[in-house]
Amino acid sequence: MAKRYPDSKAELDAWFHEARQADWKNPADVVKAYANASIVGSDRVVFNIKCNNYRLVVAIHYRLQIVFIKWLGSHVEYDKIDVKTVNYGD
């Protein structure tokens, strides 16, 4: 993903490292760690990447502690998707 948006690589790497270490049990835990995260439904979360230049959409299975990357794109591209249904590769 960072190949498509090379200027986002450092921040995506940092987010990935933090997400791997996280112990998010519910959406409130995510918001505690990322105040600017947007909770969309019971499992979808949108993170602002690189000062909101990019949006990262993930689905989190809280019980199993698994984060599924669903989509990454620019803020302009984000405005064209349905965040509740978008999947990687869409």
Protein backbone atom coordinates (compact mmCIF):
# COMPACT_ATOMS: atom_id res chain seq x y z
CA MET A 1 0.00 0.00 0.00
CA ALA A 2 2.79 2.39 0.82
CA LYS A 3 4.16 1.83 -2.70
CA ARG A 4 1.13 3.63 -4.09
CA TYR A 5 1.53 6.44 -1.54
CA PRO A 6 5.27 6.52 -0.75
CA ASP A 7 5.02 9.67 1.37
CA SER A 8 2.79 7.75 3.79
CA LYS A 9 5.24 4.89 4.46
CA ALA A 10 6.75 6.15 7.71
CA GLU A 11 3.40 6.94 9.28
CA LEU A 12 1.83 3.68 8.08
CA ASP A 13 4.78 1.75 9.51
CA ALA A 14 4.34 3.53 12.84
CA TRP A 15 0.59 2.82 12.85
CA PHE A 16 1.21 -0.85 12.01
CA HIS A 17 3.72 -1.19 14.87
CA GLU A 18 1.28 0.42 17.33
CA ALA A 19 -1.63 -1.70 16.10
CA ARG A 20 0.38 -4.90 16.55
CA GLN A 21 1.06 -3.96 20.17
CA ALA A 22 -2.48 -2.75 20.89
CA ASP A 23 -4.93 -4.56 23.13
CA TRP A 24 -8.15 -3.03 21.82
CA LYS A 25 -11.14 -4.72 23.38
CA ASN A 26 -13.77 -2.36 21.96
CA PRO A 27 -14.11 0.83 19.89
CA ALA A 28 -13.65 3.01 22.98
CA ASP A 29 -10.14 1.56 23.43
CA VAL A 30 -9.28 2.59 19.87
CA VAL A 31 -10.49 6.14 20.44
CA LYS A 32 -8.45 6.33 23.67
CA ALA A 33 -5.33 5.58 21.63
CA TYR A 34 -6.34 7.56 18.54
CA ALA A 35 -8.61 10.48 19.41
CA ASN A 36 -9.08 11.29 15.71
CA ALA A 37 -10.15 7.76 14.75
CA SER A 38 -13.69 7.50 13.42
CA ILE A 39 -15.76 4.53 14.54
CA VAL A 40 -18.04 3.32 11.75
CA GLY A 41 -20.35 0.56 12.87
CA SER A 42 -19.44 -2.22 15.26
CA ASP A 43 -16.11 -3.17 13.67
CA ARG A 44 -14.98 -0.52 11.16
CA VAL A 45 -12.54 2.21 12.10
CA VAL A 46 -11.09 4.99 9.96
CA PHE A 47 -7.65 6.32 10.86
CA ASN A 48 -6.19 9.59 9.60
CA ILE A 49 -2.73 9.03 8.15
CA LYS A 50 -0.11 11.70 7.46
CA CYS A 51 -1.99 14.68 8.85
CA ASN A 52 -5.26 13.53 7.27
CA ASN A 53 -3.80 13.35 3.75
CA TYR A 54 -4.76 9.67 3.69
CA ARG A 55 -7.43 7.53 5.26
CA LEU A 56 -6.93 3.96 6.44
CA VAL A 57 -10.09 1.85 6.82
CA VAL A 58 -9.82 -1.28 8.93
CA ALA A 59 -12.15 -3.86 10.42
CA ILE A 60 -11.27 -5.02 13.91
CA HIS A 61 -12.28 -8.36 15.39
CA TYR A 62 -11.90 -7.33 19.01
CA ARG A 63 -12.32 -10.74 20.61
CA LEU A 64 -9.63 -12.34 18.43
CA GLN A 65 -7.45 -9.20 18.34
CA ILE A 66 -7.23 -9.18 14.53
CA VAL A 67 -7.12 -6.04 12.41
CA PHE A 68 -8.09 -6.38 8.75
CA ILE A 69 -6.97 -3.61 6.42
CA LYS A 70 -9.90 -2.84 4.15
CA TRP A 71 -8.76 0.25 2.25
CA LEU A 72 -6.14 3.00 2.03
CA GLY A 73 -6.43 6.08 -0.08
CA SER A 74 -6.26 9.82 -0.28
CA HIS A 75 -8.77 12.02 1.46
CA VAL A 76 -10.32 12.83 -1.94
CA GLU A 77 -10.60 9.12 -2.83
CA TYR A 78 -12.13 8.41 0.58
CA ASP A 79 -15.02 10.73 -0.23
CA LYS A 80 -15.95 8.41 -3.12
CA ILE A 81 -16.21 5.12 -1.17
CA ASP A 82 -18.76 3.53 1.13
CA VAL A 83 -16.65 3.06 4.24
CA LYS A 84 -19.04 0.44 5.63
CA THR A 85 -18.61 -1.94 2.68
CA VAL A 86 -15.29 -1.14 1.00
CA ASN A 87 -12.74 -3.96 0.80
CA TYR A 88 -9.09 -4.08 -0.12
CA GLY A 89 -8.75 -4.03 -3.89
CA ASP A 90 -12.02 -2.14 -4.47
